[in-house]
Amino acid sequence: GMAVRRVEMHAVERRADGICHDIRNRLSAAFITPIDQEDILHLAQLL
C-alpha cells in the first residue's frame, strides 16, 4: 500500500509548501510586520 500512502503524504506536504509560499509573498510586499520579517520567514521555513 505504500505507493498510495506515499501520494497521500505528499499531498499534505504540498499544502504546507503552499502556505510557506504565501508567507514569503506577503513578506515581500509588507511594510509593517508584528515581529521581525526574518523571524517570521525562519519559523515558516522550519515548519
PDB file of all heavy atoms in Angstrom:
ATOM      1  N   GLY A   1       0.789  -1.226   0.000  1.00  0.00           N
ATOM      2  CA  GLY A   1       0.000   0.000   0.000  1.00  0.00           C
ATOM      3  C   GLY A   1       0.818   1.272   0.000  1.00  0.00           C
ATOM      4  O   GLY A   1       0.253   2.374  -0.014  1.00  0.00           O
ATOM      5  N   MET A   2       2.149   1.153  -0.019  1.00  0.00           N
ATOM      6  CA  MET A   2       2.986   2.347   0.134  1.00  0.00           C
ATOM      7  C   MET A   2       2.901   3.301  -1.054  1.00  0.00           C
ATOM      8  O   MET A   2       3.101   4.506  -0.888  1.00  0.00           O
ATOM      9  CB  MET A   2       4.444   1.962   0.378  1.00  0.00           C
ATOM     10  CG  MET A   2       4.768   1.695   1.844  1.00  0.00           C
ATOM     11  SD  MET A   2       4.155   2.965   2.991  1.00  0.00           S
ATOM     12  CE  MET A   2       4.935   4.454   2.389  1.00  0.00           C
ATOM     13  N   ALA A   3       2.618   2.803  -2.234  1.00  0.00           N
ATOM     14  CA  ALA A   3       2.505   3.699  -3.388  1.00  0.00           C
ATOM     15  C   ALA A   3       1.379   4.706  -3.164  1.00  0.00           C
ATOM     16  O   ALA A   3       1.524   5.902  -3.448  1.00  0.00           O
ATOM     17  CB  ALA A   3       2.260   2.895  -4.665  1.00  0.00           C
ATOM     18  N   VAL A   4       0.269   4.223  -2.611  1.00  0.00           N
ATOM     19  CA  VAL A   4      -0.883   5.091  -2.348  1.00  0.00           C
ATOM     20  C   VAL A   4      -0.614   5.991  -1.140  1.00  0.00           C
ATOM     21  O   VAL A   4      -0.890   7.196  -1.163  1.00  0.00           O
ATOM     22  CB  VAL A   4      -2.150   4.249  -2.115  1.00  0.00           C
ATOM     23  CG1 VAL A   4      -3.315   5.136  -1.681  1.00  0.00           C
ATOM     24  CG2 VAL A   4      -2.510   3.487  -3.380  1.00  0.00           C
ATOM     25  N   ARG A   5      -0.051   5.407  -0.069  1.00  0.00           N
ATOM     26  CA  ARG A   5       0.189   6.189   1.145  1.00  0.00           C
ATOM     27  C   ARG A   5       1.228   7.285   0.909  1.00  0.00           C
ATOM     28  O   ARG A   5       1.144   8.365   1.485  1.00  0.00           O
ATOM     29  CB  ARG A   5       0.663   5.284   2.302  1.00  0.00           C
ATOM     30  CG  ARG A   5      -0.245   4.143   2.695  1.00  0.00           C
ATOM     31  CD  ARG A   5      -1.702   4.536   2.897  1.00  0.00           C
ATOM     32  NE  ARG A   5      -1.974   5.521   3.911  1.00  0.00           N
ATOM     33  CZ  ARG A   5      -2.196   5.250   5.210  1.00  0.00           C
ATOM     34  NH1 ARG A   5      -2.148   4.002   5.647  1.00  0.00           N
ATOM     35  NH2 ARG A   5      -2.495   6.205   6.052  1.00  0.00           N
ATOM     36  N   ARG A   6       2.201   6.991   0.064  1.00  0.00           N
ATOM     37  CA  ARG A   6       3.212   7.992  -0.261  1.00  0.00           C
ATOM     38  C   ARG A   6       2.574   9.207  -0.934  1.00  0.00           C
ATOM     39  O   ARG A   6       2.897  10.355  -0.621  1.00  0.00           O
ATOM     40  CB  ARG A   6       4.259   7.368  -1.174  1.00  0.00           C
ATOM     41  CG  ARG A   6       5.246   8.355  -1.757  1.00  0.00           C
ATOM     42  CD  ARG A   6       5.853   7.801  -3.032  1.00  0.00           C
ATOM     43  NE  ARG A   6       6.527   8.852  -3.776  1.00  0.00           N
ATOM     44  CZ  ARG A   6       6.637   8.886  -5.095  1.00  0.00           C
ATOM     45  NH1 ARG A   6       6.091   7.934  -5.820  1.00  0.00           N
ATOM     46  NH2 ARG A   6       7.271   9.858  -5.692  1.00  0.00           N
ATOM     47  N   VAL A   7       1.657   8.950  -1.869  1.00  0.00           N
ATOM     48  CA  VAL A   7       0.959  10.043  -2.565  1.00  0.00           C
ATOM     49  C   VAL A   7       0.108  10.836  -1.576  1.00  0.00           C
ATOM     50  O   VAL A   7       0.038  12.072  -1.629  1.00  0.00           O
ATOM     51  CB  VAL A   7       0.092   9.488  -3.714  1.00  0.00           C
ATOM     52  CG1 VAL A   7      -0.784  10.581  -4.301  1.00  0.00           C
ATOM     53  CG2 VAL A   7       0.984   8.881  -4.796  1.00  0.00           C
ATOM     54  N   GLU A   8      -0.523  10.117  -0.654  1.00  0.00           N
ATOM     55  CA  GLU A   8      -1.355  10.758   0.371  1.00  0.00           C
ATOM     56  C   GLU A   8      -0.519  11.705   1.231  1.00  0.00           C
ATOM     57  O   GLU A   8      -0.916  12.847   1.505  1.00  0.00           O
ATOM     58  CB  GLU A   8      -1.991   9.665   1.236  1.00  0.00           C
ATOM     59  CG  GLU A   8      -2.992  10.166   2.250  1.00  0.00           C
ATOM     60  CD  GLU A   8      -3.590   9.045   3.078  1.00  0.00           C
ATOM     61  OE1 GLU A   8      -3.300   7.857   2.792  1.00  0.00           O
ATOM     62  OE2 GLU A   8      -4.318   9.357   4.033  1.00  0.00           O
ATOM     63  N   MET A   9       0.648  11.247   1.641  1.00  0.00           N
ATOM     64  CA  MET A   9       1.527  12.074   2.455  1.00  0.00           C
ATOM     65  C   MET A   9       2.053  13.268   1.660  1.00  0.00           C
ATOM     66  O   MET A   9       2.112  14.400   2.178  1.00  0.00           O
ATOM     67  CB  MET A   9       2.702  11.237   2.982  1.00  0.00           C
ATOM     68  CG  MET A   9       3.741  12.046   3.750  1.00  0.00           C
ATOM     69  SD  MET A   9       3.118  12.780   5.278  1.00  0.00           S
ATOM     70  CE  MET A   9       3.279  11.358   6.374  1.00  0.00           C
ATOM     71  N   HIS A  10       2.405  13.032   0.418  1.00  0.00           N
ATOM     72  CA  HIS A  10       2.974  14.119  -0.383  1.00  0.00           C
ATOM     73  C   HIS A  10       1.944  15.224  -0.629  1.00  0.00           C
ATOM     74  O   HIS A  10       2.307  16.399  -0.737  1.00  0.00           O
ATOM     75  CB  HIS A  10       3.489  13.582  -1.720  1.00  0.00           C
ATOM     76  CG  HIS A  10       4.367  14.544  -2.445  1.00  0.00           C
ATOM     77  ND1 HIS A  10       5.534  15.055  -1.893  1.00  0.00           N
ATOM     78  CD2 HIS A  10       4.260  15.121  -3.674  1.00  0.00           C
ATOM     79  CE1 HIS A  10       6.093  15.894  -2.752  1.00  0.00           C
ATOM     80  NE2 HIS A  10       5.337  15.965  -3.824  1.00  0.00           N
ATOM     81  N   ALA A  11       0.677  14.856  -0.702  1.00  0.00           N
ATOM     82  CA  ALA A  11      -0.379  15.855  -0.875  1.00  0.00           C
ATOM     83  C   ALA A  11      -0.432  16.786   0.335  1.00  0.00           C
ATOM     84  O   ALA A  11      -0.655  18.002   0.198  1.00  0.00           O
ATOM     85  CB  ALA A  11      -1.725  15.170  -1.085  1.00  0.00           C
ATOM     86  N   VAL A  12      -0.226  16.246   1.524  1.00  0.00           N
ATOM     87  CA  VAL A  12      -0.185  17.062   2.738  1.00  0.00           C
ATOM     88  C   VAL A  12       1.022  17.997   2.694  1.00  0.00           C
ATOM     89  O   VAL A  12       0.925  19.190   3.002  1.00  0.00           O
ATOM     90  CB  VAL A  12      -0.123  16.165   3.999  1.00  0.00           C
ATOM     91  CG1 VAL A  12       0.013  17.022   5.258  1.00  0.00           C
ATOM     92  CG2 VAL A  12      -1.365  15.283   4.089  1.00  0.00           C
ATOM     93  N   GLU A  13       2.167  17.439   2.275  1.00  0.00           N
ATOM     94  CA  GLU A  13       3.393  18.247   2.193  1.00  0.00           C
ATOM     95  C   GLU A  13       3.246  19.404   1.208  1.00  0.00           C
ATOM     96  O   GLU A  13       3.733  20.509   1.457  1.00  0.00           O
ATOM     97  CB  GLU A  13       4.560  17.332   1.797  1.00  0.00           C
ATOM     98  CG  GLU A  13       5.919  17.994   1.831  1.00  0.00           C
ATOM     99  CD  GLU A  13       6.290  18.671   0.529  1.00  0.00           C
ATOM    100  OE1 GLU A  13       5.757  18.255  -0.517  1.00  0.00           O
ATOM    101  OE2 GLU A  13       7.094  19.627   0.556  1.00  0.00           O
ATOM    102  N   ARG A  14       2.532  19.166   0.109  1.00  0.00           N
ATOM    103  CA  ARG A  14       2.340  20.227  -0.881  1.00  0.00           C
ATOM    104  C   ARG A  14       1.488  21.361  -0.323  1.00  0.00           C
ATOM    105  O   ARG A  14       1.704  22.535  -0.642  1.00  0.00           O
ATOM    106  CB  ARG A  14       1.666  19.648  -2.140  1.00  0.00           C
ATOM    107  CG  ARG A  14       2.542  18.711  -2.946  1.00  0.00           C
ATOM    108  CD  ARG A  14       3.710  19.446  -3.576  1.00  0.00           C
ATOM    109  NE  ARG A  14       3.278  20.466  -4.503  1.00  0.00           N
ATOM    110  CZ  ARG A  14       2.985  20.260  -5.779  1.00  0.00           C
ATOM    111  NH1 ARG A  14       3.072  19.035  -6.298  1.00  0.00           N
ATOM    112  NH2 ARG A  14       2.619  21.249  -6.571  1.00  0.00           N
ATOM    113  N   ARG A  15       0.512  21.031   0.524  1.00  0.00           N
ATOM    114  CA  ARG A  15      -0.296  22.076   1.158  1.00  0.00           C
ATOM    115  C   ARG A  15       0.558  22.939   2.084  1.00  0.00           C
ATOM    116  O   ARG A  15       0.389  24.150   2.156  1.00  0.00           O
ATOM    117  CB  ARG A  15      -1.454  21.444   1.925  1.00  0.00           C
ATOM    118  CG  ARG A  15      -2.583  20.990   0.998  1.00  0.00           C
ATOM    119  CD  ARG A  15      -3.591  20.087   1.686  1.00  0.00           C
ATOM    120  NE  ARG A  15      -3.894  20.521   3.043  1.00  0.00           N
ATOM    121  CZ  ARG A  15      -4.104  19.685   4.050  1.00  0.00           C
ATOM    122  NH1 ARG A  15      -4.035  18.379   3.862  1.00  0.00           N
ATOM    123  NH2 ARG A  15      -4.389  20.148   5.241  1.00  0.00           N
ATOM    124  N   ALA A  16       1.491  22.291   2.772  1.00  0.00           N
ATOM    125  CA  ALA A  16       2.406  23.034   3.633  1.00  0.00           C
ATOM    126  C   ALA A  16       3.279  23.968   2.799  1.00  0.00           C
ATOM    127  O   ALA A  16       3.530  25.121   3.187  1.00  0.00           O
ATOM    128  CB  ALA A  16       3.280  22.074   4.441  1.00  0.00           C
ATOM    129  N   ASP A  17       3.743  23.488   1.663  1.00  0.00           N
ATOM    130  CA  ASP A  17       4.533  24.330   0.748  1.00  0.00           C
ATOM    131  C   ASP A  17       3.742  25.565   0.336  1.00  0.00           C
ATOM    132  O   ASP A  17       4.291  26.673   0.262  1.00  0.00           O
ATOM    133  CB  ASP A  17       4.915  23.545  -0.511  1.00  0.00           C
ATOM    134  CG  ASP A  17       6.081  22.598  -0.276  1.00  0.00           C
ATOM    135  OD1 ASP A  17       6.766  22.736   0.753  1.00  0.00           O
ATOM    136  OD2 ASP A  17       6.307  21.728  -1.133  1.00  0.00           O
ATOM    137  N   GLY A  18       2.451  25.373   0.067  1.00  0.00           N
ATOM    138  CA  GLY A  18       1.608  26.480  -0.377  1.00  0.00           C
ATOM    139  C   GLY A  18       1.529  27.586   0.655  1.00  0.00           C
ATOM    140  O   GLY A  18       1.598  28.782   0.316  1.00  0.00           O
ATOM    141  N   ILE A  19       1.399  27.213   1.930  1.00  0.00           N
ATOM    142  CA  ILE A  19       1.334  28.228   2.987  1.00  0.00           C
ATOM    143  C   ILE A  19       2.671  28.937   3.137  1.00  0.00           C
ATOM    144  O   ILE A  19       2.726  30.151   3.317  1.00  0.00           O
ATOM    145  CB  ILE A  19       0.903  27.590   4.320  1.00  0.00           C
ATOM    146  CG1 ILE A  19      -0.537  27.068   4.212  1.00  0.00           C
ATOM    147  CG2 ILE A  19       1.006  28.605   5.459  1.00  0.00           C
ATOM    148  CD1 ILE A  19      -1.036  26.398   5.460  1.00  0.00           C
ATOM    149  N   CYS A  20       3.765  28.184   3.038  1.00  0.00           N
ATOM    150  CA  CYS A  20       5.088  28.791   3.148  1.00  0.00           C
ATOM    151  C   CYS A  20       5.307  29.805   2.022  1.00  0.00           C
ATOM    152  O   CYS A  20       5.818  30.912   2.255  1.00  0.00           O
ATOM    153  CB  CYS A  20       6.164  27.708   3.103  1.00  0.00           C
ATOM    154  SG  CYS A  20       7.810  28.280   3.591  1.00  0.00           S
ATOM    155  N   HIS A  21       4.890  29.469   0.820  1.00  0.00           N
ATOM    156  CA  HIS A  21       4.995  30.403  -0.308  1.00  0.00           C
ATOM    157  C   HIS A  21       4.126  31.643  -0.072  1.00  0.00           C
ATOM    158  O   HIS A  21       4.534  32.769  -0.399  1.00  0.00           O
ATOM    159  CB  HIS A  21       4.571  29.715  -1.611  1.00  0.00           C
ATOM    160  CG  HIS A  21       5.539  28.676  -2.087  1.00  0.00           C
ATOM    161  ND1 HIS A  21       6.899  28.844  -2.051  1.00  0.00           N
ATOM    162  CD2 HIS A  21       5.334  27.437  -2.615  1.00  0.00           C
ATOM    163  CE1 HIS A  21       7.500  27.765  -2.534  1.00  0.00           C
ATOM    164  NE2 HIS A  21       6.577  26.900  -2.870  1.00  0.00           N
ATOM    165  N   ASP A  22       2.952  31.433   0.497  1.00  0.00           N
ATOM    166  CA  ASP A  22       2.051  32.556   0.794  1.00  0.00           C
ATOM    167  C   ASP A  22       2.708  33.518   1.776  1.00  0.00           C
ATOM    168  O   ASP A  22       2.665  34.749   1.608  1.00  0.00           O
ATOM    169  CB  ASP A  22       0.736  32.005   1.360  1.00  0.00           C
ATOM    170  CG  ASP A  22      -0.346  33.078   1.480  1.00  0.00           C
ATOM    171  OD1 ASP A  22      -0.137  34.196   0.975  1.00  0.00           O
ATOM    172  OD2 ASP A  22      -1.403  32.795   2.073  1.00  0.00           O
ATOM    173  N   ILE A  23       3.343  32.962   2.808  1.00  0.00           N
ATOM    174  CA  ILE A  23       4.022  33.803   3.798  1.00  0.00           C
ATOM    175  C   ILE A  23       5.153  34.593   3.142  1.00  0.00           C
ATOM    176  O   ILE A  23       5.313  35.790   3.380  1.00  0.00           O
ATOM    177  CB  ILE A  23       4.564  32.943   4.961  1.00  0.00           C
ATOM    178  CG1 ILE A  23       3.394  32.394   5.791  1.00  0.00           C
ATOM    179  CG2 ILE A  23       5.509  33.760   5.853  1.00  0.00           C
ATOM    180  CD1 ILE A  23       3.801  31.400   6.859  1.00  0.00           C
ATOM    181  N   ARG A  24       5.929  33.932   2.292  1.00  0.00           N
ATOM    182  CA  ARG A  24       7.020  34.626   1.590  1.00  0.00           C
ATOM    183  C   ARG A  24       6.486  35.776   0.735  1.00  0.00           C
ATOM    184  O   ARG A  24       7.057  36.874   0.728  1.00  0.00           O
ATOM    185  CB  ARG A  24       7.782  33.639   0.715  1.00  0.00           C
ATOM    186  CG  ARG A  24       8.672  32.675   1.449  1.00  0.00           C
ATOM    187  CD  ARG A  24       9.706  32.080   0.522  1.00  0.00           C
ATOM    188  NE  ARG A  24      10.334  30.906   1.091  1.00  0.00           N
ATOM    189  CZ  ARG A  24      10.024  29.657   0.784  1.00  0.00           C
ATOM    190  NH1 ARG A  24       9.082  29.421  -0.122  1.00  0.00           N
ATOM    191  NH2 ARG A  24      10.653  28.640   1.345  1.00  0.00           N
ATOM    192  N   ASN A  25       5.411  35.513   0.008  1.00  0.00           N
ATOM    193  CA  ASN A  25       4.834  36.542  -0.868  1.00  0.00           C
ATOM    194  C   ASN A  25       4.329  37.738  -0.070  1.00  0.00           C
ATOM    195  O   ASN A  25       4.518  38.896  -0.469  1.00  0.00           O
ATOM    196  CB  ASN A  25       3.695  35.950  -1.700  1.00  0.00           C
ATOM    197  CG  ASN A  25       4.187  34.976  -2.750  1.00  0.00           C
ATOM    198  OD1 ASN A  25       5.347  35.034  -3.169  1.00  0.00           O
ATOM    199  ND2 ASN A  25       3.322  34.077  -3.175  1.00  0.00           N
ATOM    200  N   ARG A  26       3.684  37.460   1.057  1.00  0.00           N
ATOM    201  CA  ARG A  26       3.174  38.551   1.890  1.00  0.00           C
ATOM    202  C   ARG A  26       4.327  39.371   2.472  1.00  0.00           C
ATOM    203  O   ARG A  26       4.255  40.606   2.538  1.00  0.00           O
ATOM    204  CB  ARG A  26       2.310  37.991   3.023  1.00  0.00           C
ATOM    205  CG  ARG A  26       0.967  37.426   2.559  1.00  0.00           C
ATOM    206  CD  ARG A  26       0.271  36.699   3.697  1.00  0.00           C
ATOM    207  NE  ARG A  26      -0.918  36.004   3.235  1.00  0.00           N
ATOM    208  CZ  ARG A  26      -2.154  36.501   3.301  1.00  0.00           C
ATOM    209  NH1 ARG A  26      -2.357  37.708   3.825  1.00  0.00           N
ATOM    210  NH2 ARG A  26      -3.179  35.808   2.867  1.00  0.00           N
ATOM    211  N   LEU A  27       5.381  38.692   2.902  1.00  0.00           N
ATOM    212  CA  LEU A  27       6.520  39.395   3.488  1.00  0.00           C
ATOM    213  C   LEU A  27       7.228  40.276   2.468  1.00  0.00           C
ATOM    214  O   LEU A  27       7.728  41.353   2.806  1.00  0.00           O
ATOM    215  CB  LEU A  27       7.515  38.388   4.077  1.00  0.00           C
ATOM    216  CG  LEU A  27       7.095  37.699   5.382  1.00  0.00           C
ATOM    217  CD1 LEU A  27       8.106  36.631   5.756  1.00  0.00           C
ATOM    218  CD2 LEU A  27       6.954  38.712   6.512  1.00  0.00           C
ATOM    219  N   SER A  28       7.266  39.819   1.217  1.00  0.00           N
ATOM    220  CA  SER A  28       7.965  40.595   0.185  1.00  0.00           C
ATOM    221  C   SER A  28       7.277  41.931  -0.088  1.00  0.00           C
ATOM    222  O   SER A  28       7.910  42.876  -0.572  1.00  0.00           O
ATOM    223  CB  SER A  28       8.052  39.783  -1.114  1.00  0.00           C
ATOM    224  OG  SER A  28       6.763  39.583  -1.672  1.00  0.00           O
ATOM    225  N   ALA A  29       5.980  42.005   0.231  1.00  0.00           N
ATOM    226  CA  ALA A  29       5.223  43.244  -0.015  1.00  0.00           C
ATOM    227  C   ALA A  29       4.877  43.984   1.268  1.00  0.00           C
ATOM    228  O   ALA A  29       4.230  45.022   1.236  1.00  0.00           O
ATOM    229  CB  ALA A  29       3.940  42.918  -0.778  1.00  0.00           C
ATOM    230  N   ALA A  30       5.325  43.451   2.404  1.00  0.00           N
ATOM    231  CA  ALA A  30       4.925  44.025   3.694  1.00  0.00           C
ATOM    232  C   ALA A  30       5.816  45.187   4.095  1.00  0.00           C
ATOM    233  O   ALA A  30       7.026  45.187   3.844  1.00  0.00           O
ATOM    234  CB  ALA A  30       4.951  42.949   4.767  1.00  0.00           C
ATOM    235  N   PHE A  31       5.194  46.163   4.721  1.00  0.00           N
ATOM    236  CA  PHE A  31       5.938  47.304   5.268  1.00  0.00           C
ATOM    237  C   PHE A  31       6.073  47.165   6.782  1.00  0.00           C
ATOM    238  O   PHE A  31       7.124  47.410   7.347  1.00  0.00           O
ATOM    239  CB  PHE A  31       5.225  48.613   4.921  1.00  0.00           C
ATOM    240  CG  PHE A  31       5.906  49.825   5.480  1.00  0.00           C
ATOM    241  CD1 PHE A  31       7.156  50.216   5.005  1.00  0.00           C
ATOM    242  CD2 PHE A  31       5.312  50.581   6.486  1.00  0.00           C
ATOM    243  CE1 PHE A  31       7.800  51.335   5.530  1.00  0.00           C
ATOM    244  CE2 PHE A  31       5.958  51.693   7.013  1.00  0.00           C
ATOM    245  CZ  PHE A  31       7.199  52.071   6.534  1.00  0.00           C
ATOM    246  N   ILE A  32       4.993  46.737   7.420  1.00  0.00           N
ATOM    247  CA  ILE A  32       4.992  46.548   8.866  1.00  0.00           C
ATOM    248  C   ILE A  32       4.599  45.104   9.175  1.00  0.00           C
ATOM    249  O   ILE A  32       3.616  44.588   8.630  1.00  0.00           O
ATOM    250  CB  ILE A  32       4.005  47.505   9.556  1.00  0.00           C
ATOM    251  CG1 ILE A  32       4.434  48.962   9.346  1.00  0.00           C
ATOM    252  CG2 ILE A  32       3.914  47.196  11.053  1.00  0.00           C
ATOM    253  CD1 ILE A  32       3.464  49.974   9.900  1.00  0.00           C
ATOM    254  N   THR A  33       5.370  44.454  10.039  1.00  0.00           N
ATOM    255  CA  THR A  33       5.057  43.098  10.473  1.00  0.00           C
ATOM    256  C   THR A  33       5.067  43.069  12.004  1.00  0.00           C
ATOM    257  O   THR A  33       5.748  43.883  12.636  1.00  0.00           O
ATOM    258  CB  THR A  33       6.074  42.083   9.923  1.00  0.00           C
ATOM    259  OG1 THR A  33       7.404  42.505  10.282  1.00  0.00           O
ATOM    260  CG2 THR A  33       5.972  41.969   8.420  1.00  0.00           C
ATOM    261  N   PRO A  34       4.341  42.131  12.620  1.00  0.00           N
ATOM    262  CA  PRO A  34       4.237  42.112  14.088  1.00  0.00           C
ATOM    263  C   PRO A  34       5.558  41.803  14.778  1.00  0.00           C
ATOM    264  O   PRO A  34       5.787  42.221  15.915  1.00  0.00           O
ATOM    265  CB  PRO A  34       3.204  41.020  14.351  1.00  0.00           C
ATOM    266  CG  PRO A  34       3.260  40.142  13.140  1.00  0.00           C
ATOM    267  CD  PRO A  34       3.531  41.073  12.004  1.00  0.00           C
ATOM    268  N   ILE A  35       6.411  41.036  14.124  1.00  0.00           N
ATOM    269  CA  ILE A  35       7.754  40.719  14.599  1.00  0.00           C
ATOM    270  C   ILE A  35       8.687  40.815  13.391  1.00  0.00           C
ATOM    271  O   ILE A  35       8.224  41.025  12.269  1.00  0.00           O
ATOM    272  CB  ILE A  35       7.821  39.310  15.232  1.00  0.00           C
ATOM    273  CG1 ILE A  35       7.256  38.262  14.266  1.00  0.00           C
ATOM    274  CG2 ILE A  35       7.086  39.274  16.559  1.00  0.00           C
ATOM    275  CD1 ILE A  35       7.277  36.840  14.797  1.00  0.00           C
ATOM    276  N   ASP A  36       9.980  40.670  13.603  1.00  0.00           N
ATOM    277  CA  ASP A  36      10.929  40.808  12.505  1.00  0.00           C
ATOM    278  C   ASP A  36      10.579  39.872  11.346  1.00  0.00           C
ATOM    279  O   ASP A  36      10.234  38.699  11.567  1.00  0.00           O
ATOM    280  CB  ASP A  36      12.349  40.476  12.972  1.00  0.00           C
ATOM    281  CG  ASP A  36      12.932  41.578  13.841  1.00  0.00           C
ATOM    282  OD1 ASP A  36      12.298  42.645  13.929  1.00  0.00           O
ATOM    283  OD2 ASP A  36      14.003  41.367  14.430  1.00  0.00           O
ATOM    284  N   GLN A  37      10.685  40.404  10.128  1.00  0.00           N
ATOM    285  CA  GLN A  37      10.420  39.589   8.946  1.00  0.00           C
ATOM    286  C   GLN A  37      11.298  38.342   8.925  1.00  0.00           C
ATOM    287  O   GLN A  37      10.843  37.253   8.540  1.00  0.00           O
ATOM    288  CB  GLN A  37      10.654  40.402   7.676  1.00  0.00           C
ATOM    289  CG  GLN A  37       9.607  41.473   7.419  1.00  0.00           C
ATOM    290  CD  GLN A  37       9.712  42.048   6.015  1.00  0.00           C
ATOM    291  OE1 GLN A  37      10.484  41.572   5.196  1.00  0.00           O
ATOM    292  NE2 GLN A  37       8.917  43.063   5.741  1.00  0.00           N
ATOM    293  N   GLU A  38      12.556  38.502   9.321  1.00  0.00           N
ATOM    294  CA  GLU A  38      13.486  37.372   9.298  1.00  0.00           C
ATOM    295  C   GLU A  38      13.021  36.249  10.215  1.00  0.00           C
ATOM    296  O   GLU A  38      13.163  35.060   9.893  1.00  0.00           O
ATOM    297  CB  GLU A  38      14.890  37.826   9.717  1.00  0.00           C
ATOM    298  CG  GLU A  38      15.577  38.756   8.740  1.00  0.00           C
ATOM    299  CD  GLU A  38      15.113  40.205   8.876  1.00  0.00           C
ATOM    300  OE1 GLU A  38      14.287  40.493   9.787  1.00  0.00           O
ATOM    301  OE2 GLU A  38      15.557  41.037   8.071  1.00  0.00           O
ATOM    302  N   ASP A  39      12.446  36.620  11.369  1.00  0.00           N
ATOM    303  CA  ASP A  39      11.962  35.605  12.312  1.00  0.00           C
ATOM    304  C   ASP A  39      10.731  34.880  11.758  1.00  0.00           C
ATOM    305  O   ASP A  39      10.601  33.662  11.918  1.00  0.00           O
ATOM    306  CB  ASP A  39      11.627  36.251  13.658  1.00  0.00           C
ATOM    307  CG  ASP A  39      12.879  36.712  14.398  1.00  0.00           C
ATOM    308  OD1 ASP A  39      13.950  36.128  14.165  1.00  0.00           O
ATOM    309  OD2 ASP A  39      12.772  37.659  15.196  1.00  0.00           O
ATOM    310  N   ILE A  40       9.836  35.625  11.137  1.00  0.00           N
ATOM    311  CA  ILE A  40       8.654  35.002  10.529  1.00  0.00           C
ATOM    312  C   ILE A  40       9.085  34.030   9.437  1.00  0.00           C
ATOM    313  O   ILE A  40       8.616  32.886   9.371  1.00  0.00           O
ATOM    314  CB  ILE A  40       7.704  36.064   9.940  1.00  0.00           C
ATOM    315  CG1 ILE A  40       7.153  36.973  11.037  1.00  0.00           C
ATOM    316  CG2 ILE A  40       6.552  35.392   9.182  1.00  0.00           C
ATOM    317  CD1 ILE A  40       6.355  38.159  10.510  1.00  0.00           C
ATOM    318  N   LEU A  41       9.991  34.484   8.578  1.00  0.00           N
ATOM    319  CA  LEU A  41      10.454  33.653   7.469  1.00  0.00           C
ATOM    320  C   LEU A  41      11.192  32.424   7.966  1.00  0.00           C
ATOM    321  O   LEU A  41      10.983  31.315   7.453  1.00  0.00           O
ATOM    322  CB  LEU A  41      11.361  34.476   6.549  1.00  0.00           C
ATOM    323  CG  LEU A  41      11.849  33.784   5.270  1.00  0.00           C
ATOM    324  CD1 LEU A  41      10.666  33.349   4.414  1.00  0.00           C
ATOM    325  CD2 LEU A  41      12.764  34.707   4.484  1.00  0.00           C
ATOM    326  N   HIS A  42      12.043  32.610   8.967  1.00  0.00           N
ATOM    327  CA  HIS A  42      12.803  31.486   9.520  1.00  0.00           C
ATOM    328  C   HIS A  42      11.870  30.439  10.116  1.00  0.00           C
ATOM    329  O   HIS A  42      12.025  29.232   9.873  1.00  0.00           O
ATOM    330  CB  HIS A  42      13.773  32.006  10.584  1.00  0.00           C
ATOM    331  CG  HIS A  42      14.813  31.004  10.996  1.00  0.00           C
ATOM    332  ND1 HIS A  42      15.689  31.223  12.034  1.00  0.00           N
ATOM    333  CD2 HIS A  42      15.111  29.761  10.520  1.00  0.00           C
ATOM    334  CE1 HIS A  42      16.481  30.184  12.168  1.00  0.00           C
ATOM    335  NE2 HIS A  42      16.146  29.277  11.280  1.00  0.00           N
ATOM    336  N   LEU A  43      10.890  30.887  10.891  1.00  0.00           N
ATOM    337  CA  LEU A  43       9.949  29.963  11.514  1.00  0.00           C
ATOM    338  C   LEU A  43       9.112  29.241  10.459  1.00  0.00           C
ATOM    339  O   LEU A  43       8.908  28.022  10.540  1.00  0.00           O
ATOM    340  CB  LEU A  43       9.044  30.713  12.489  1.00  0.00           C
ATOM    341  CG  LEU A  43       8.027  29.878  13.272  1.00  0.00           C
ATOM    342  CD1 LEU A  43       8.711  28.767  14.041  1.00  0.00           C
ATOM    343  CD2 LEU A  43       7.214  30.774  14.204  1.00  0.00           C
ATOM    344  N   ALA A  44       8.646  29.984   9.460  1.00  0.00           N
ATOM    345  CA  ALA A  44       7.854  29.379   8.392  1.00  0.00           C
ATOM    346  C   ALA A  44       8.658  28.323   7.644  1.00  0.00           C
ATOM    347  O   ALA A  44       8.138  27.244   7.309  1.00  0.00           O
ATOM    348  CB  ALA A  44       7.371  30.453   7.422  1.00  0.00           C
ATOM    349  N   GLN A  45       9.932  28.603   7.388  1.00  0.00           N
ATOM    350  CA  GLN A  45      10.777  27.645   6.674  1.00  0.00           C
ATOM    351  C   GLN A  45      11.020  26.391   7.511  1.00  0.00           C
ATOM    352  O   GLN A  45      11.005  25.263   6.989  1.00  0.00           O
ATOM    353  CB  GLN A  45      12.108  28.289   6.299  1.00  0.00           C
ATOM    354  CG  GLN A  45      12.985  27.412   5.417  1.00  0.00           C
ATOM    355  CD  GLN A  45      12.300  27.041   4.114  1.00  0.00           C
ATOM    356  OE1 GLN A  45      11.953  27.909   3.323  1.00  0.00           O
ATOM    357  NE2 GLN A  45      12.079  25.746   3.892  1.00  0.00           N
ATOM    358  N   LEU A  46      11.240  26.575   8.810  1.00  0.00           N
ATOM    359  CA  LEU A  46      11.452  25.412   9.680  1.00  0.00           C
ATOM    360  C   LEU A  46      10.214  24.519   9.734  1.00  0.00           C
ATOM    361  O   LEU A  46      10.321  23.288   9.690  1.00  0.00           O
ATOM    362  CB  LEU A  46      11.838  25.876  11.085  1.00  0.00           C
ATOM    363  CG  LEU A  46      13.266  26.397  11.254  1.00  0.00           C
ATOM    364  CD1 LEU A  46      13.432  27.075  12.611  1.00  0.00           C
ATOM    365  CD2 LEU A  46      14.271  25.259  11.106  1.00  0.00           C
ATOM    366  N   LEU A  47       9.044  25.132   9.840  1.00  0.00           N
ATOM    367  CA  LEU A  47       7.807  24.350   9.857  1.00  0.00           C
ATOM    368  C   LEU A  47       7.618  23.613   8.537  1.00  0.00           C
ATOM    369  O   LEU A  47       7.167  22.452   8.510  1.00  0.00           O
ATOM    370  CB  LEU A  47       6.609  25.260  10.134  1.00  0.00           C
ATOM    371  CG  LEU A  47       6.534  25.839  11.552  1.00  0.00           C
ATOM    372  CD1 LEU A  47       5.431  26.890  11.645  1.00  0.00           C
ATOM    373  CD2 LEU A  47       6.309  24.735  12.577  1.00  0.00           C
TER     374      LEU A  47
END
